Amino acid sequence: MLRAQSVAVGDVDDILHQLDKQKGVLRELEQKKPQLDELLHTAESLKGTENRQQLHGKGNKFVNSMEIGFELV
């Protein structure tokens, strides 16, 4: 998200203050990036697990329907 931060062109102190604030935010984001990467990796892993479980469930339904079909014959 971008946020506009206005400063007066000739106000050096205000410009330096805003730069320091932005550098602080950048440091925070850099520190949180590994944590975000880990969360994304975990989410992808869980998503894959869920897909495998759904496929496994569909496979079980198919096998059950085949067993019922063979029992009828």
PDB file of N, CA and C in Angstrom:
ATOM      1  N   MET A   1       0.844  -1.155   0.000  1.00  0.00           N
ATOM      2  CA  MET A   1       0.000   0.000   0.000  1.00  0.00           C
ATOM      3  C   MET A   1       0.898   1.228   0.000  1.00  0.00           C
ATOM      4  N   LEU A   2       0.611   2.138  -0.905  1.00  0.00           N
ATOM      5  CA  LEU A   2       1.365   3.379  -0.967  1.00  0.00           C
ATOM      6  C   LEU A   2       0.653   4.439  -0.154  1.00  0.00           C
ATOM      7  N   ARG A   3       1.446   5.246   0.507  1.00  0.00           N
ATOM      8  CA  ARG A   3       0.887   6.309   1.327  1.00  0.00           C
ATOM      9  C   ARG A   3       1.613   7.603   0.979  1.00  0.00           C
ATOM     10  N   ALA A   4       0.872   8.628   0.628  1.00  0.00           N
ATOM     11  CA  ALA A   4       1.476   9.916   0.299  1.00  0.00           C
ATOM     12  C   ALA A   4       1.911  10.618   1.575  1.00  0.00           C
ATOM     13  N   GLN A   5       3.122  11.132   1.558  1.00  0.00           N
ATOM     14  CA  GLN A   5       3.643  11.881   2.700  1.00  0.00           C
ATOM     15  C   GLN A   5       4.205  13.193   2.166  1.00  0.00           C
ATOM     16  N   SER A   6       3.497  14.260   2.436  1.00  0.00           N
ATOM     17  CA  SER A   6       3.896  15.571   1.926  1.00  0.00           C
ATOM     18  C   SER A   6       4.950  16.201   2.821  1.00  0.00           C
ATOM     19  N   VAL A   7       5.923  16.823   2.186  1.00  0.00           N
ATOM     20  CA  VAL A   7       6.930  17.600   2.906  1.00  0.00           C
ATOM     21  C   VAL A   7       7.186  18.873   2.109  1.00  0.00           C
ATOM     22  N   ALA A   8       7.572  19.913   2.814  1.00  0.00           N
ATOM     23  CA  ALA A   8       7.923  21.166   2.149  1.00  0.00           C
ATOM     24  C   ALA A   8       9.299  21.005   1.509  1.00  0.00           C
ATOM     25  N   VAL A   9       9.443  21.538   0.310  1.00  0.00           N
ATOM     26  CA  VAL A   9      10.682  21.359  -0.446  1.00  0.00           C
ATOM     27  C   VAL A   9      11.893  21.887   0.314  1.00  0.00           C
ATOM     28  N   GLY A  10      11.776  23.006   0.976  1.00  0.00           N
ATOM     29  CA  GLY A  10      12.937  23.594   1.642  1.00  0.00           C
ATOM     30  C   GLY A  10      13.114  23.161   3.088  1.00  0.00           C
ATOM     31  N   ASP A  11      12.216  22.329   3.614  1.00  0.00           N
ATOM     32  CA  ASP A  11      12.272  21.931   5.031  1.00  0.00           C
ATOM     33  C   ASP A  11      13.128  20.670   5.178  1.00  0.00           C
ATOM     34  N   VAL A  12      14.416  20.885   5.326  1.00  0.00           N
ATOM     35  CA  VAL A  12      15.374  19.782   5.378  1.00  0.00           C
ATOM     36  C   VAL A  12      15.105  18.875   6.576  1.00  0.00           C
ATOM     37  N   ASP A  13      14.782  19.461   7.722  1.00  0.00           N
ATOM     38  CA  ASP A  13      14.531  18.652   8.921  1.00  0.00           C
ATOM     39  C   ASP A  13      13.333  17.727   8.717  1.00  0.00           C
ATOM     40  N   ASP A  14      12.271  18.256   8.112  1.00  0.00           N
ATOM     41  CA  ASP A  14      11.078  17.439   7.861  1.00  0.00           C
ATOM     42  C   ASP A  14      11.383  16.328   6.857  1.00  0.00           C
ATOM     43  N   ILE A  15      12.159  16.656   5.842  1.00  0.00           N
ATOM     44  CA  ILE A  15      12.536  15.650   4.835  1.00  0.00           C
ATOM     45  C   ILE A  15      13.347  14.535   5.485  1.00  0.00           C
ATOM     46  N   LEU A  16      14.318  14.897   6.308  1.00  0.00           N
ATOM     47  CA  LEU A  16      15.143  13.890   6.989  1.00  0.00           C
ATOM     48  C   LEU A  16      14.310  13.050   7.948  1.00  0.00           C
ATOM     49  N   HIS A  17      13.364  13.694   8.634  1.00  0.00           N
ATOM     50  CA  HIS A  17      12.486  12.965   9.553  1.00  0.00           C
ATOM     51  C   HIS A  17      11.646  11.938   8.785  1.00  0.00           C
ATOM     52  N   GLN A  18      11.071  12.351   7.655  1.00  0.00           N
ATOM     53  CA  GLN A  18      10.258  11.435   6.853  1.00  0.00           C
ATOM     54  C   GLN A  18      11.109  10.296   6.287  1.00  0.00           C
ATOM     55  N   LEU A  19      12.330  10.611   5.871  1.00  0.00           N
ATOM     56  CA  LEU A  19      13.230   9.562   5.375  1.00  0.00           C
ATOM     57  C   LEU A  19      13.544   8.550   6.470  1.00  0.00           C
ATOM     58  N   ASP A  20      13.789   9.031   7.680  1.00  0.00           N
ATOM     59  CA  ASP A  20      14.064   8.125   8.804  1.00  0.00           C
ATOM     60  C   ASP A  20      12.867   7.225   9.082  1.00  0.00           C
ATOM     61  N   LYS A  21      11.659   7.803   9.032  1.00  0.00           N
ATOM     62  CA  LYS A  21      10.457   6.999   9.245  1.00  0.00           C
ATOM     63  C   LYS A  21      10.330   5.922   8.169  1.00  0.00           C
ATOM     64  N   GLN A  22      10.586   6.295   6.923  1.00  0.00           N
ATOM     65  CA  GLN A  22      10.475   5.327   5.830  1.00  0.00           C
ATOM     66  C   GLN A  22      11.540   4.241   5.939  1.00  0.00           C
ATOM     67  N   LYS A  23      12.730   4.609   6.354  1.00  0.00           N
ATOM     68  CA  LYS A  23      13.785   3.609   6.549  1.00  0.00           C
ATOM     69  C   LYS A  23      13.414   2.644   7.668  1.00  0.00           C
ATOM     70  N   GLY A  24      12.780   3.160   8.716  1.00  0.00           N
ATOM     71  CA  GLY A  24      12.325   2.298   9.811  1.00  0.00           C
ATOM     72  C   GLY A  24      11.280   1.302   9.335  1.00  0.00           C
ATOM     73  N   VAL A  25      10.345   1.771   8.528  1.00  0.00           N
ATOM     74  CA  VAL A  25       9.318   0.877   7.981  1.00  0.00           C
ATOM     75  C   VAL A  25       9.971  -0.180   7.095  1.00  0.00           C
ATOM     76  N   LEU A  26      10.927   0.238   6.284  1.00  0.00           N
ATOM     77  CA  LEU A  26      11.626  -0.704   5.411  1.00  0.00           C
ATOM     78  C   LEU A  26      12.359  -1.770   6.225  1.00  0.00           C
ATOM     79  N   ARG A  27      13.012  -1.376   7.320  1.00  0.00           N
ATOM     80  CA  ARG A  27      13.694  -2.352   8.183  1.00  0.00           C
ATOM     81  C   ARG A  27      12.698  -3.351   8.768  1.00  0.00           C
ATOM     82  N   GLU A  28      11.542  -2.845   9.218  1.00  0.00           N
ATOM     83  CA  GLU A  28      10.517  -3.738   9.765  1.00  0.00           C
ATOM     84  C   GLU A  28      10.057  -4.750   8.724  1.00  0.00           C
ATOM     85  N   LEU A  29       9.832  -4.270   7.510  1.00  0.00           N
ATOM     86  CA  LEU A  29       9.377  -5.168   6.446  1.00  0.00           C
ATOM     87  C   LEU A  29      10.435  -6.219   6.119  1.00  0.00           C
ATOM     88  N   GLU A  30      11.693  -5.804   6.094  1.00  0.00           N
ATOM     89  CA  GLU A  30      12.765  -6.755   5.808  1.00  0.00           C
ATOM     90  C   GLU A  30      12.872  -7.813   6.904  1.00  0.00           C
ATOM     91  N   GLN A  31      12.614  -7.422   8.153  1.00  0.00           N
ATOM     92  CA  GLN A  31      12.667  -8.383   9.255  1.00  0.00           C
ATOM     93  C   GLN A  31      11.494  -9.351   9.199  1.00  0.00           C
ATOM     94  N   LYS A  32      10.357  -8.895   8.702  1.00  0.00           N
ATOM     95  CA  LYS A  32       9.163  -9.732   8.663  1.00  0.00           C
ATOM     96  C   LYS A  32       9.094 -10.608   7.416  1.00  0.00           C
ATOM     97  N   LYS A  33       9.923 -10.346   6.413  1.00  0.00           N
ATOM     98  CA  LYS A  33       9.871 -11.108   5.168  1.00  0.00           C
ATOM     99  C   LYS A  33      10.102 -12.603   5.372  1.00  0.00           C
ATOM    100  N   PRO A  34      11.112 -13.031   6.149  1.00  0.00           N
ATOM    101  CA  PRO A  34      11.283 -14.478   6.353  1.00  0.00           C
ATOM    102  C   PRO A  34      10.050 -15.125   6.992  1.00  0.00           C
ATOM    103  N   GLN A  35       9.426 -14.412   7.916  1.00  0.00           N
ATOM    104  CA  GLN A  35       8.225 -14.928   8.560  1.00  0.00           C
ATOM    105  C   GLN A  35       7.093 -15.063   7.535  1.00  0.00           C
ATOM    106  N   LEU A  36       6.949 -14.078   6.666  1.00  0.00           N
ATOM    107  CA  LEU A  36       5.930 -14.136   5.625  1.00  0.00           C
ATOM    108  C   LEU A  36       6.211 -15.287   4.663  1.00  0.00           C
ATOM    109  N   ASP A  37       7.470 -15.457   4.282  1.00  0.00           N
ATOM    110  CA  ASP A  37       7.830 -16.559   3.389  1.00  0.00           C
ATOM    111  C   ASP A  37       7.484 -17.906   4.011  1.00  0.00           C
ATOM    112  N   GLU A  38       7.743 -18.046   5.306  1.00  0.00           N
ATOM    113  CA  GLU A  38       7.421 -19.298   5.998  1.00  0.00           C
ATOM    114  C   GLU A  38       5.913 -19.536   6.016  1.00  0.00           C
ATOM    115  N   LEU A  39       5.142 -18.481   6.263  1.00  0.00           N
ATOM    116  CA  LEU A  39       3.682 -18.613   6.260  1.00  0.00           C
ATOM    117  C   LEU A  39       3.161 -19.002   4.880  1.00  0.00           C
ATOM    118  N   LEU A  40       3.721 -18.402   3.844  1.00  0.00           N
ATOM    119  CA  LEU A  40       3.303 -18.744   2.484  1.00  0.00           C
ATOM    120  C   LEU A  40       3.641 -20.196   2.159  1.00  0.00           C
ATOM    121  N   HIS A  41       4.823 -20.636   2.572  1.00  0.00           N
ATOM    122  CA  HIS A  41       5.226 -22.018   2.336  1.00  0.00           C
ATOM    123  C   HIS A  41       4.287 -22.982   3.064  1.00  0.00           C
ATOM    124  N   THR A  42       3.952 -22.651   4.310  1.00  0.00           N
ATOM    125  CA  THR A  42       3.037 -23.485   5.090  1.00  0.00           C
ATOM    126  C   THR A  42       1.658 -23.528   4.441  1.00  0.00           C
ATOM    127  N   ALA A  43       1.186 -22.380   3.969  1.00  0.00           N
ATOM    128  CA  ALA A  43      -0.124 -22.324   3.317  1.00  0.00           C
ATOM    129  C   ALA A  43      -0.138 -23.175   2.053  1.00  0.00           C
ATOM    130  N   GLU A  44       0.916 -23.101   1.254  1.00  0.00           N
ATOM    131  CA  GLU A  44       0.994 -23.919   0.040  1.00  0.00           C
ATOM    132  C   GLU A  44       1.033 -25.402   0.393  1.00  0.00           C
ATOM    133  N   SER A  45       1.752 -25.734   1.447  1.00  0.00           N
ATOM    134  CA  SER A  45       1.833 -27.124   1.883  1.00  0.00           C
ATOM    135  C   SER A  45       0.466 -27.629   2.323  1.00  0.00           C
ATOM    136  N   LEU A  46      -0.248 -26.814   3.103  1.00  0.00           N
ATOM    137  CA  LEU A  46      -1.587 -27.203   3.548  1.00  0.00           C
ATOM    138  C   LEU A  46      -2.545 -27.315   2.369  1.00  0.00           C
ATOM    139  N   LYS A  47      -2.389 -26.429   1.420  1.00  0.00           N
ATOM    140  CA  LYS A  47      -3.230 -26.469   0.222  1.00  0.00           C
ATOM    141  C   LYS A  47      -2.991 -27.775  -0.531  1.00  0.00           C
ATOM    142  N   GLY A  48      -1.737 -28.174  -0.651  1.00  0.00           N
ATOM    143  CA  GLY A  48      -1.410 -29.435  -1.307  1.00  0.00           C
ATOM    144  C   GLY A  48      -1.954 -30.622  -0.540  1.00  0.00           C
ATOM    145  N   THR A  49      -1.871 -30.559   0.780  1.00  0.00           N
ATOM    146  CA  THR A  49      -2.406 -31.636   1.617  1.00  0.00           C
ATOM    147  C   THR A  49      -3.909 -31.744   1.443  1.00  0.00           C
ATOM    148  N   GLU A  50      -4.578 -30.602   1.404  1.00  0.00           N
ATOM    149  CA  GLU A  50      -6.036 -30.603   1.225  1.00  0.00           C
ATOM    150  C   GLU A  50      -6.406 -31.197  -0.130  1.00  0.00           C
ATOM    151  N   ASN A  51      -5.657 -30.840  -1.170  1.00  0.00           N
ATOM    152  CA  ASN A  51      -5.929 -31.390  -2.499  1.00  0.00           C
ATOM    153  C   ASN A  51      -5.736 -32.901  -2.515  1.00  0.00           C
ATOM    154  N   ARG A  52      -4.679 -33.379  -1.842  1.00  0.00           N
ATOM    155  CA  ARG A  52      -4.441 -34.827  -1.798  1.00  0.00           C
ATOM    156  C   ARG A  52      -5.567 -35.526  -1.047  1.00  0.00           C
ATOM    157  N   GLN A  53      -6.035 -34.907   0.042  1.00  0.00           N
ATOM    158  CA  GLN A  53      -7.127 -35.511   0.806  1.00  0.00           C
ATOM    159  C   GLN A  53      -8.401 -35.561  -0.025  1.00  0.00           C
ATOM    160  N   GLN A  54      -8.668 -34.508  -0.793  1.00  0.00           N
ATOM    161  CA  GLN A  54      -9.855 -34.500  -1.637  1.00  0.00           C
ATOM    162  C   GLN A  54      -9.755 -35.587  -2.702  1.00  0.00           C
ATOM    163  N   LEU A  55      -8.579 -35.714  -3.311  1.00  0.00           N
ATOM    164  CA  LEU A  55      -8.393 -36.757  -4.316  1.00  0.00           C
ATOM    165  C   LEU A  55      -8.537 -38.134  -3.691  1.00  0.00           C
ATOM    166  N   HIS A  56      -7.978 -38.301  -2.492  1.00  0.00           N
ATOM    167  CA  HIS A  56      -8.073 -39.576  -1.794  1.00  0.00           C
ATOM    168  C   HIS A  56      -9.537 -39.896  -1.501  1.00  0.00           C
ATOM    169  N   GLY A  57     -10.297 -38.887  -1.074  1.00  0.00           N
ATOM    170  CA  GLY A  57     -11.719 -39.077  -0.796  1.00  0.00           C
ATOM    171  C   GLY A  57     -12.482 -39.465  -2.048  1.00  0.00           C
ATOM    172  N   LYS A  58     -12.162 -38.825  -3.178  1.00  0.00           N
ATOM    173  CA  LYS A  58     -12.820 -39.166  -4.444  1.00  0.00           C
ATOM    174  C   LYS A  58     -12.451 -40.583  -4.862  1.00  0.00           C
ATOM    175  N   GLY A  59     -11.196 -40.962  -4.628  1.00  0.00           N
ATOM    176  CA  GLY A  59     -10.764 -42.320  -4.958  1.00  0.00           C
ATOM    177  C   GLY A  59     -11.502 -43.345  -4.126  1.00  0.00           C
ATOM    178  N   ASN A  60     -11.684 -43.051  -2.845  1.00  0.00           N
ATOM    179  CA  ASN A  60     -12.423 -43.970  -1.971  1.00  0.00           C
ATOM    180  C   ASN A  60     -13.865 -44.112  -2.424  1.00  0.00           C
ATOM    181  N   LYS A  61     -14.489 -43.003  -2.821  1.00  0.00           N
ATOM    182  CA  LYS A  61     -15.872 -43.062  -3.297  1.00  0.00           C
ATOM    183  C   LYS A  61     -15.954 -43.932  -4.552  1.00  0.00           C
ATOM    184  N   PHE A  62     -14.978 -43.785  -5.439  1.00  0.00           N
ATOM    185  CA  PHE A  62     -14.965 -44.572  -6.666  1.00  0.00           C
ATOM    186  C   PHE A  62     -14.809 -46.056  -6.344  1.00  0.00           C
ATOM    187  N   VAL A  63     -13.877 -46.366  -5.445  1.00  0.00           N
ATOM    188  CA  VAL A  63     -13.656 -47.766  -5.066  1.00  0.00           C
ATOM    189  C   VAL A  63     -14.912 -48.338  -4.423  1.00  0.00           C
ATOM    190  N   ASN A  64     -15.537 -47.577  -3.542  1.00  0.00           N
ATOM    191  CA  ASN A  64     -16.767 -48.046  -2.903  1.00  0.00           C
ATOM    192  C   ASN A  64     -17.865 -48.295  -3.927  1.00  0.00           C
ATOM    193  N   SER A  65     -18.002 -47.397  -4.892  1.00  0.00           N
ATOM    194  CA  SER A  65     -19.039 -47.598  -5.907  1.00  0.00           C
ATOM    195  C   SER A  65     -18.722 -48.818  -6.768  1.00  0.00           C
ATOM    196  N   MET A  66     -17.444 -49.062  -7.032  1.00  0.00           N
ATOM    197  CA  MET A  66     -17.058 -50.244  -7.810  1.00  0.00           C
ATOM    198  C   MET A  66     -17.350 -51.515  -7.010  1.00  0.00           C
ATOM    199  N   GLU A  67     -17.067 -51.489  -5.699  1.00  0.00           N
ATOM    200  CA  GLU A  67     -17.338 -52.656  -4.860  1.00  0.00           C
ATOM    201  C   GLU A  67     -18.832 -52.950  -4.827  1.00  0.00           C
ATOM    202  N   ILE A  68     -19.637 -51.902  -4.705  1.00  0.00           N
ATOM    203  CA  ILE A  68     -21.091 -52.090  -4.696  1.00  0.00           C
ATOM    204  C   ILE A  68     -21.545 -52.655  -6.034  1.00  0.00           C
ATOM    205  N   GLY A  69     -20.965 -52.168  -7.123  1.00  0.00           N
ATOM    206  CA  GLY A  69     -21.310 -52.672  -8.451  1.00  0.00           C
ATOM    207  C   GLY A  69     -20.967 -54.144  -8.600  1.00  0.00           C
ATOM    208  N   PHE A  70     -19.811 -54.551  -8.084  1.00  0.00           N
ATOM    209  CA  PHE A  70     -19.422 -55.956  -8.177  1.00  0.00           C
ATOM    210  C   PHE A  70     -20.294 -56.835  -7.291  1.00  0.00           C
ATOM    211  N   GLU A  71     -20.721 -56.303  -6.147  1.00  0.00           N
ATOM    212  CA  GLU A  71     -21.582 -57.082  -5.265  1.00  0.00           C
ATOM    213  C   GLU A  71     -22.935 -57.343  -5.922  1.00  0.00           C
ATOM    214  N   LEU A  72     -23.392 -56.401  -6.728  1.00  0.00           N
ATOM    215  CA  LEU A  72     -24.684 -56.565  -7.398  1.00  0.00           C
ATOM    216  C   LEU A  72     -24.609 -57.614  -8.502  1.00  0.00           C
ATOM    217  N   VAL A  73     -23.438 -57.815  -9.081  1.00  0.00           N
ATOM    218  CA  VAL A  73     -23.281 -58.772 -10.184  1.00  0.00           C
ATOM    219  C   VAL A  73     -23.203 -60.132  -9.659  1.00  0.00           C
TER     220      VAL A  73
END
